[in-house]
Amino acid sequence: MKNIIKDTDSNFLKWAINQIVNWKNTVVPQNCIHIHGTNDHILPAKYLKVDYSIKNGGHFMTVNKANEIEKIIKMLCS
């Protein structure tokens, strides 16, 4: 986490935190499926409504857990 923050542009980081903290969305589209990693320390799953969990998936799991995510998407599309 420290490395992510260190390597992130400070203006973007301030903007992103502000967007997350002040997001007022109350409508979840019916066709929205939430796939989330159990090891995401930036946006912990315990604060979210998750439809599918990826064991040990972190915030950037699209890189190292792509096969597991792909299986869920293919299952949903079949």
PDB file of N, CA and C in Angstrom:
ATOM      1  N   MET A   1       0.828  -1.190   0.000  1.00  0.00           N
ATOM      2  CA  MET A   1       0.000   0.000   0.000  1.00  0.00           C
ATOM      3  C   MET A   1       0.868   1.248   0.000  1.00  0.00           C
ATOM      4  N   LYS A   2       1.928   1.233   0.793  1.00  0.00           N
ATOM      5  CA  LYS A   2       2.823   2.389   0.840  1.00  0.00           C
ATOM      6  C   LYS A   2       3.430   2.667  -0.526  1.00  0.00           C
ATOM      7  N   ASN A   3       3.820   1.602  -1.245  1.00  0.00           N
ATOM      8  CA  ASN A   3       4.417   1.785  -2.572  1.00  0.00           C
ATOM      9  C   ASN A   3       3.412   2.330  -3.572  1.00  0.00           C
ATOM     10  N   ILE A   4       2.175   1.860  -3.483  1.00  0.00           N
ATOM     11  CA  ILE A   4       1.136   2.364  -4.387  1.00  0.00           C
ATOM     12  C   ILE A   4       0.952   3.859  -4.173  1.00  0.00           C
ATOM     13  N   ILE A   5       0.826   4.262  -2.927  1.00  0.00           N
ATOM     14  CA  ILE A   5       0.631   5.686  -2.625  1.00  0.00           C
ATOM     15  C   ILE A   5       1.858   6.494  -3.047  1.00  0.00           C
ATOM     16  N   LYS A   6       3.037   5.967  -2.772  1.00  0.00           N
ATOM     17  CA  LYS A   6       4.278   6.655  -3.141  1.00  0.00           C
ATOM     18  C   LYS A   6       4.390   6.847  -4.653  1.00  0.00           C
ATOM     19  N   ASP A   7       3.952   5.846  -5.417  1.00  0.00           N
ATOM     20  CA  ASP A   7       4.084   5.879  -6.871  1.00  0.00           C
ATOM     21  C   ASP A   7       2.919   6.557  -7.591  1.00  0.00           C
ATOM     22  N   THR A   8       1.901   6.975  -6.849  1.00  0.00           N
ATOM     23  CA  THR A   8       0.726   7.593  -7.456  1.00  0.00           C
ATOM     24  C   THR A   8       0.854   9.111  -7.439  1.00  0.00           C
ATOM     25  N   ASP A   9       0.481   9.731  -8.550  1.00  0.00           N
ATOM     26  CA  ASP A   9       0.481  11.189  -8.655  1.00  0.00           C
ATOM     27  C   ASP A   9      -0.381  11.762  -7.526  1.00  0.00           C
ATOM     28  N   SER A  10       0.143  12.714  -6.773  1.00  0.00           N
ATOM     29  CA  SER A  10      -0.557  13.230  -5.591  1.00  0.00           C
ATOM     30  C   SER A  10      -1.877  13.910  -5.955  1.00  0.00           C
ATOM     31  N   ASN A  11      -1.930  14.606  -7.083  1.00  0.00           N
ATOM     32  CA  ASN A  11      -3.187  15.249  -7.493  1.00  0.00           C
ATOM     33  C   ASN A  11      -4.252  14.200  -7.800  1.00  0.00           C
ATOM     34  N   PHE A  12      -3.857  13.134  -8.495  1.00  0.00           N
ATOM     35  CA  PHE A  12      -4.808  12.064  -8.791  1.00  0.00           C
ATOM     36  C   PHE A  12      -5.265  11.386  -7.509  1.00  0.00           C
ATOM     37  N   LEU A  13      -4.349  11.113  -6.596  1.00  0.00           N
ATOM     38  CA  LEU A  13      -4.694  10.438  -5.352  1.00  0.00           C
ATOM     39  C   LEU A  13      -5.711  11.260  -4.554  1.00  0.00           C
ATOM     40  N   LYS A  14      -5.489  12.562  -4.447  1.00  0.00           N
ATOM     41  CA  LYS A  14      -6.432  13.437  -3.738  1.00  0.00           C
ATOM     42  C   LYS A  14      -7.796  13.424  -4.417  1.00  0.00           C
ATOM     43  N   TRP A  15      -7.794  13.493  -5.756  1.00  0.00           N
ATOM     44  CA  TRP A  15      -9.044  13.463  -6.506  1.00  0.00           C
ATOM     45  C   TRP A  15      -9.781  12.147  -6.271  1.00  0.00           C
ATOM     46  N   ALA A  16      -9.059  11.029  -6.373  1.00  0.00           N
ATOM     47  CA  ALA A  16      -9.678   9.702  -6.246  1.00  0.00           C
ATOM     48  C   ALA A  16     -10.274   9.493  -4.858  1.00  0.00           C
ATOM     49  N   ILE A  17      -9.543   9.872  -3.831  1.00  0.00           N
ATOM     50  CA  ILE A  17     -10.053   9.725  -2.461  1.00  0.00           C
ATOM     51  C   ILE A  17     -11.307  10.567  -2.274  1.00  0.00           C
ATOM     52  N   ASN A  18     -11.282  11.786  -2.775  1.00  0.00           N
ATOM     53  CA  ASN A  18     -12.448  12.663  -2.687  1.00  0.00           C
ATOM     54  C   ASN A  18     -13.651  12.055  -3.399  1.00  0.00           C
ATOM     55  N   GLN A  19     -13.437  11.471  -4.574  1.00  0.00           N
ATOM     56  CA  GLN A  19     -14.536  10.857  -5.323  1.00  0.00           C
ATOM     57  C   GLN A  19     -15.150   9.684  -4.563  1.00  0.00           C
ATOM     58  N   ILE A  20     -14.315   8.860  -3.970  1.00  0.00           N
ATOM     59  CA  ILE A  20     -14.810   7.692  -3.230  1.00  0.00           C
ATOM     60  C   ILE A  20     -15.565   8.134  -1.976  1.00  0.00           C
ATOM     61  N   VAL A  21     -14.988   9.038  -1.224  1.00  0.00           N
ATOM     62  CA  VAL A  21     -15.579   9.460   0.047  1.00  0.00           C
ATOM     63  C   VAL A  21     -16.901  10.200  -0.167  1.00  0.00           C
ATOM     64  N   ASN A  22     -17.005  10.950  -1.242  1.00  0.00           N
ATOM     65  CA  ASN A  22     -18.193  11.782  -1.466  1.00  0.00           C
ATOM     66  C   ASN A  22     -19.166  11.227  -2.505  1.00  0.00           C
ATOM     67  N   TRP A  23     -18.997   9.980  -2.917  1.00  0.00           N
ATOM     68  CA  TRP A  23     -19.889   9.393  -3.912  1.00  0.00           C
ATOM     69  C   TRP A  23     -21.268   9.190  -3.302  1.00  0.00           C
ATOM     70  N   LYS A  24     -22.292   9.724  -3.943  1.00  0.00           N
ATOM     71  CA  LYS A  24     -23.657   9.677  -3.416  1.00  0.00           C
ATOM     72  C   LYS A  24     -24.578   8.780  -4.240  1.00  0.00           C
ATOM     73  N   ASN A  25     -24.032   7.896  -5.040  1.00  0.00           N
ATOM     74  CA  ASN A  25     -24.872   7.048  -5.873  1.00  0.00           C
ATOM     75  C   ASN A  25     -25.771   6.163  -5.006  1.00  0.00           C
ATOM     76  N   THR A  26     -27.045   6.115  -5.347  1.00  0.00           N
ATOM     77  CA  THR A  26     -27.987   5.265  -4.621  1.00  0.00           C
ATOM     78  C   THR A  26     -28.626   4.223  -5.526  1.00  0.00           C
ATOM     79  N   VAL A  27     -28.374   4.305  -6.823  1.00  0.00           N
ATOM     80  CA  VAL A  27     -28.986   3.394  -7.780  1.00  0.00           C
ATOM     81  C   VAL A  27     -27.943   2.397  -8.290  1.00  0.00           C
ATOM     82  N   VAL A  28     -28.249   1.111  -8.146  1.00  0.00           N
ATOM     83  CA  VAL A  28     -27.386   0.064  -8.682  1.00  0.00           C
ATOM     84  C   VAL A  28     -28.104  -0.521  -9.896  1.00  0.00           C
ATOM     85  N   PRO A  29     -27.514  -0.423 -11.086  1.00  0.00           N
ATOM     86  CA  PRO A  29     -28.176  -0.984 -12.268  1.00  0.00           C
ATOM     87  C   PRO A  29     -28.475  -2.474 -12.085  1.00  0.00           C
ATOM     88  N   GLN A  30     -29.609  -2.935 -12.619  1.00  0.00           N
ATOM     89  CA  GLN A  30     -29.999  -4.335 -12.447  1.00  0.00           C
ATOM     90  C   GLN A  30     -28.992  -5.293 -13.059  1.00  0.00           C
ATOM     91  N   ASN A  31     -28.329  -4.889 -14.123  1.00  0.00           N
ATOM     92  CA  ASN A  31     -27.407  -5.793 -14.807  1.00  0.00           C
ATOM     93  C   ASN A  31     -25.959  -5.629 -14.333  1.00  0.00           C
ATOM     94  N   CYS A  32     -25.774  -5.042 -13.177  1.00  0.00           N
ATOM     95  CA  CYS A  32     -24.431  -4.811 -12.636  1.00  0.00           C
ATOM     96  C   CYS A  32     -24.017  -6.011 -11.768  1.00  0.00           C
ATOM     97  N   ILE A  33     -22.876  -6.589 -12.078  1.00  0.00           N
ATOM     98  CA  ILE A  33     -22.332  -7.699 -11.301  1.00  0.00           C
ATOM     99  C   ILE A  33     -21.025  -7.217 -10.682  1.00  0.00           C
ATOM    100  N   HIS A  34     -20.886  -7.390  -9.373  1.00  0.00           N
ATOM    101  CA  HIS A  34     -19.694  -6.918  -8.668  1.00  0.00           C
ATOM    102  C   HIS A  34     -18.779  -8.099  -8.363  1.00  0.00           C
ATOM    103  N   ILE A  35     -17.631  -8.118  -9.029  1.00  0.00           N
ATOM    104  CA  ILE A  35     -16.591  -9.117  -8.788  1.00  0.00           C
ATOM    105  C   ILE A  35     -15.499  -8.412  -8.000  1.00  0.00           C
ATOM    106  N   HIS A  36     -15.145  -8.956  -6.841  1.00  0.00           N
ATOM    107  CA  HIS A  36     -14.221  -8.233  -5.963  1.00  0.00           C
ATOM    108  C   HIS A  36     -13.238  -9.201  -5.312  1.00  0.00           C
ATOM    109  N   GLY A  37     -12.050  -8.739  -5.073  1.00  0.00           N
ATOM    110  CA  GLY A  37     -11.029  -9.559  -4.425  1.00  0.00           C
ATOM    111  C   GLY A  37     -11.142  -9.543  -2.915  1.00  0.00           C
ATOM    112  N   THR A  38     -10.882 -10.699  -2.304  1.00  0.00           N
ATOM    113  CA  THR A  38     -10.957 -10.795  -0.841  1.00  0.00           C
ATOM    114  C   THR A  38      -9.771 -10.121  -0.154  1.00  0.00           C
ATOM    115  N   ASN A  39      -8.751  -9.783  -0.928  1.00  0.00           N
ATOM    116  CA  ASN A  39      -7.539  -9.208  -0.358  1.00  0.00           C
ATOM    117  C   ASN A  39      -7.297  -7.777  -0.851  1.00  0.00           C
ATOM    118  N   ASP A  40      -8.392  -7.080  -1.192  1.00  0.00           N
ATOM    119  CA  ASP A  40      -8.280  -5.694  -1.656  1.00  0.00           C
ATOM    120  C   ASP A  40      -8.191  -4.783  -0.436  1.00  0.00           C
ATOM    121  N   HIS A  41      -7.031  -4.194  -0.213  1.00  0.00           N
ATOM    122  CA  HIS A  41      -6.832  -3.329   0.953  1.00  0.00           C
ATOM    123  C   HIS A  41      -7.194  -1.879   0.659  1.00  0.00           C
ATOM    124  N   ILE A  42      -7.343  -1.522  -0.606  1.00  0.00           N
ATOM    125  CA  ILE A  42      -7.712  -0.156  -0.964  1.00  0.00           C
ATOM    126  C   ILE A  42      -9.216   0.039  -0.806  1.00  0.00           C
ATOM    127  N   LEU A  43     -10.000  -0.915  -1.315  1.00  0.00           N
ATOM    128  CA  LEU A  43     -11.455  -0.909  -1.149  1.00  0.00           C
ATOM    129  C   LEU A  43     -11.861  -2.267  -0.556  1.00  0.00           C
ATOM    130  N   PRO A  44     -11.792  -2.416   0.762  1.00  0.00           N
ATOM    131  CA  PRO A  44     -12.074  -3.712   1.390  1.00  0.00           C
ATOM    132  C   PRO A  44     -13.499  -4.202   1.122  1.00  0.00           C
ATOM    133  N   ALA A  45     -13.632  -5.477   0.810  1.00  0.00           N
ATOM    134  CA  ALA A  45     -14.918  -6.076   0.462  1.00  0.00           C
ATOM    135  C   ALA A  45     -15.933  -5.990   1.595  1.00  0.00           C
ATOM    136  N   LYS A  46     -15.471  -5.922   2.832  1.00  0.00           N
ATOM    137  CA  LYS A  46     -16.413  -5.908   3.965  1.00  0.00           C
ATOM    138  C   LYS A  46     -17.320  -4.677   3.948  1.00  0.00           C
ATOM    139  N   TYR A  47     -16.960  -3.640   3.180  1.00  0.00           N
ATOM    140  CA  TYR A  47     -17.775  -2.434   3.101  1.00  0.00           C
ATOM    141  C   TYR A  47     -18.656  -2.412   1.850  1.00  0.00           C
ATOM    142  N   LEU A  48     -18.655  -3.501   1.078  1.00  0.00           N
ATOM    143  CA  LEU A  48     -19.311  -3.517  -0.223  1.00  0.00           C
ATOM    144  C   LEU A  48     -20.300  -4.664  -0.344  1.00  0.00           C
ATOM    145  N   LYS A  49     -21.189  -4.556  -1.322  1.00  0.00           N
ATOM    146  CA  LYS A  49     -22.069  -5.680  -1.669  1.00  0.00           C
ATOM    147  C   LYS A  49     -21.414  -6.370  -2.857  1.00  0.00           C
ATOM    148  N   VAL A  50     -20.846  -7.536  -2.616  1.00  0.00           N
ATOM    149  CA  VAL A  50     -20.080  -8.264  -3.625  1.00  0.00           C
ATOM    150  C   VAL A  50     -20.893  -9.465  -4.103  1.00  0.00           C
ATOM    151  N   ASP A  51     -20.982  -9.632  -5.419  1.00  0.00           N
ATOM    152  CA  ASP A  51     -21.688 -10.782  -5.982  1.00  0.00           C
ATOM    153  C   ASP A  51     -20.776 -11.999  -6.110  1.00  0.00           C
ATOM    154  N   TYR A  52     -19.530 -11.780  -6.491  1.00  0.00           N
ATOM    155  CA  TYR A  52     -18.556 -12.858  -6.668  1.00  0.00           C
ATOM    156  C   TYR A  52     -17.231 -12.428  -6.062  1.00  0.00           C
ATOM    157  N   SER A  53     -16.684 -13.267  -5.215  1.00  0.00           N
ATOM    158  CA  SER A  53     -15.394 -12.977  -4.581  1.00  0.00           C
ATOM    159  C   SER A  53     -14.289 -13.783  -5.244  1.00  0.00           C
ATOM    160  N   ILE A  54     -13.153 -13.141  -5.420  1.00  0.00           N
ATOM    161  CA  ILE A  54     -11.956 -13.805  -5.924  1.00  0.00           C
ATOM    162  C   ILE A  54     -11.017 -13.968  -4.736  1.00  0.00           C
ATOM    163  N   LYS A  55     -10.781 -15.219  -4.343  1.00  0.00           N
ATOM    164  CA  LYS A  55      -9.927 -15.484  -3.181  1.00  0.00           C
ATOM    165  C   LYS A  55      -8.530 -14.911  -3.412  1.00  0.00           C
ATOM    166  N   ASN A  56      -8.051 -14.153  -2.448  1.00  0.00           N
ATOM    167  CA  ASN A  56      -6.738 -13.497  -2.460  1.00  0.00           C
ATOM    168  C   ASN A  56      -6.582 -12.476  -3.573  1.00  0.00           C
ATOM    169  N   GLY A  57      -7.673 -12.051  -4.183  1.00  0.00           N
ATOM    170  CA  GLY A  57      -7.604 -11.012  -5.208  1.00  0.00           C
ATOM    171  C   GLY A  57      -7.403  -9.653  -4.571  1.00  0.00           C
ATOM    172  N   GLY A  58      -6.460  -8.904  -5.080  1.00  0.00           N
ATOM    173  CA  GLY A  58      -6.197  -7.562  -4.582  1.00  0.00           C
ATOM    174  C   GLY A  58      -6.818  -6.513  -5.476  1.00  0.00           C
ATOM    175  N   HIS A  59      -6.455  -5.264  -5.250  1.00  0.00           N
ATOM    176  CA  HIS A  59      -7.040  -4.154  -5.998  1.00  0.00           C
ATOM    177  C   HIS A  59      -6.707  -4.234  -7.487  1.00  0.00           C
ATOM    178  N   PHE A  60      -5.602  -4.836  -7.826  1.00  0.00           N
ATOM    179  CA  PHE A  60      -5.188  -4.947  -9.227  1.00  0.00           C
ATOM    180  C   PHE A  60      -5.302  -6.391  -9.724  1.00  0.00           C
ATOM    181  N   MET A  61      -6.320  -7.093  -9.261  1.00  0.00           N
ATOM    182  CA  MET A  61      -6.457  -8.513  -9.578  1.00  0.00           C
ATOM    183  C   MET A  61      -6.755  -8.785 -11.045  1.00  0.00           C
ATOM    184  N   THR A  62      -7.126  -7.780 -11.802  1.00  0.00           N
ATOM    185  CA  THR A  62      -7.355  -8.020 -13.229  1.00  0.00           C
ATOM    186  C   THR A  62      -6.078  -8.470 -13.917  1.00  0.00           C
ATOM    187  N   VAL A  63      -4.931  -8.220 -13.290  1.00  0.00           N
ATOM    188  CA  VAL A  63      -3.645  -8.633 -13.853  1.00  0.00           C
ATOM    189  C   VAL A  63      -3.302 -10.063 -13.442  1.00  0.00           C
ATOM    190  N   ASN A  64      -3.383 -10.361 -12.146  1.00  0.00           N
ATOM    191  CA  ASN A  64      -2.916 -11.681 -11.688  1.00  0.00           C
ATOM    192  C   ASN A  64      -4.029 -12.682 -11.386  1.00  0.00           C
ATOM    193  N   LYS A  65      -5.271 -12.286 -11.555  1.00  0.00           N
ATOM    194  CA  LYS A  65      -6.401 -13.204 -11.333  1.00  0.00           C
ATOM    195  C   LYS A  65      -7.344 -13.195 -12.543  1.00  0.00           C
ATOM    196  N   ALA A  66      -6.816 -12.843 -13.699  1.00  0.00           N
ATOM    197  CA  ALA A  66      -7.636 -12.688 -14.907  1.00  0.00           C
ATOM    198  C   ALA A  66      -8.378 -13.965 -15.269  1.00  0.00           C
ATOM    199  N   ASN A  67      -7.747 -15.114 -15.118  1.00  0.00           N
ATOM    200  CA  ASN A  67      -8.405 -16.378 -15.481  1.00  0.00           C
ATOM    201  C   ASN A  67      -9.638 -16.641 -14.619  1.00  0.00           C
ATOM    202  N   GLU A  68      -9.550 -16.328 -13.338  1.00  0.00           N
ATOM    203  CA  GLU A  68     -10.685 -16.534 -12.444  1.00  0.00           C
ATOM    204  C   GLU A  68     -11.823 -15.569 -12.768  1.00  0.00           C
ATOM    205  N   ILE A  69     -11.469 -14.333 -13.077  1.00  0.00           N
ATOM    206  CA  ILE A  69     -12.477 -13.336 -13.455  1.00  0.00           C
ATOM    207  C   ILE A  69     -13.135 -13.754 -14.766  1.00  0.00           C
ATOM    208  N   GLU A  70     -12.333 -14.216 -15.702  1.00  0.00           N
ATOM    209  CA  GLU A  70     -12.850 -14.657 -17.002  1.00  0.00           C
ATOM    210  C   GLU A  70     -13.854 -15.796 -16.840  1.00  0.00           C
ATOM    211  N   LYS A  71     -13.584 -16.744 -15.953  1.00  0.00           N
ATOM    212  CA  LYS A  71     -14.497 -17.868 -15.726  1.00  0.00           C
ATOM    213  C   LYS A  71     -15.867 -17.378 -15.249  1.00  0.00           C
ATOM    214  N   ILE A  72     -15.865 -16.408 -14.346  1.00  0.00           N
ATOM    215  CA  ILE A  72     -17.123 -15.856 -13.835  1.00  0.00           C
ATOM    216  C   ILE A  72     -17.880 -15.162 -14.962  1.00  0.00           C
ATOM    217  N   ILE A  73     -17.189 -14.353 -15.751  1.00  0.00           N
ATOM    218  CA  ILE A  73     -17.845 -13.635 -16.845  1.00  0.00           C
ATOM    219  C   ILE A  73     -18.406 -14.609 -17.878  1.00  0.00           C
ATOM    220  N   LYS A  74     -17.637 -15.619 -18.236  1.00  0.00           N
ATOM    221  CA  LYS A  74     -18.122 -16.609 -19.208  1.00  0.00           C
ATOM    222  C   LYS A  74     -19.330 -17.367 -18.665  1.00  0.00           C
ATOM    223  N   MET A  75     -19.311 -17.694 -17.374  1.00  0.00           N
ATOM    224  CA  MET A  75     -20.436 -18.393 -16.761  1.00  0.00           C
ATOM    225  C   MET A  75     -21.707 -17.519 -16.828  1.00  0.00           C
ATOM    226  N   LEU A  76     -21.539 -16.244 -16.573  1.00  0.00           N
ATOM    227  CA  LEU A  76     -22.675 -15.324 -16.578  1.00  0.00           C
ATOM    228  C   LEU A  76     -23.217 -15.077 -17.989  1.00  0.00           C
ATOM    229  N   CYS A  77     -22.360 -15.203 -18.974  1.00  0.00           N
ATOM    230  CA  CYS A  77     -22.764 -14.932 -20.357  1.00  0.00           C
ATOM    231  C   CYS A  77     -23.288 -16.170 -21.088  1.00  0.00           C
ATOM    232  N   SER A  78     -23.213 -17.315 -20.455  1.00  0.00           N
ATOM    233  CA  SER A  78     -23.641 -18.533 -21.159  1.00  0.00           C
ATOM    234  C   SER A  78     -25.100 -18.845 -20.891  1.00  0.00           C
TER     235      SER A  78
END
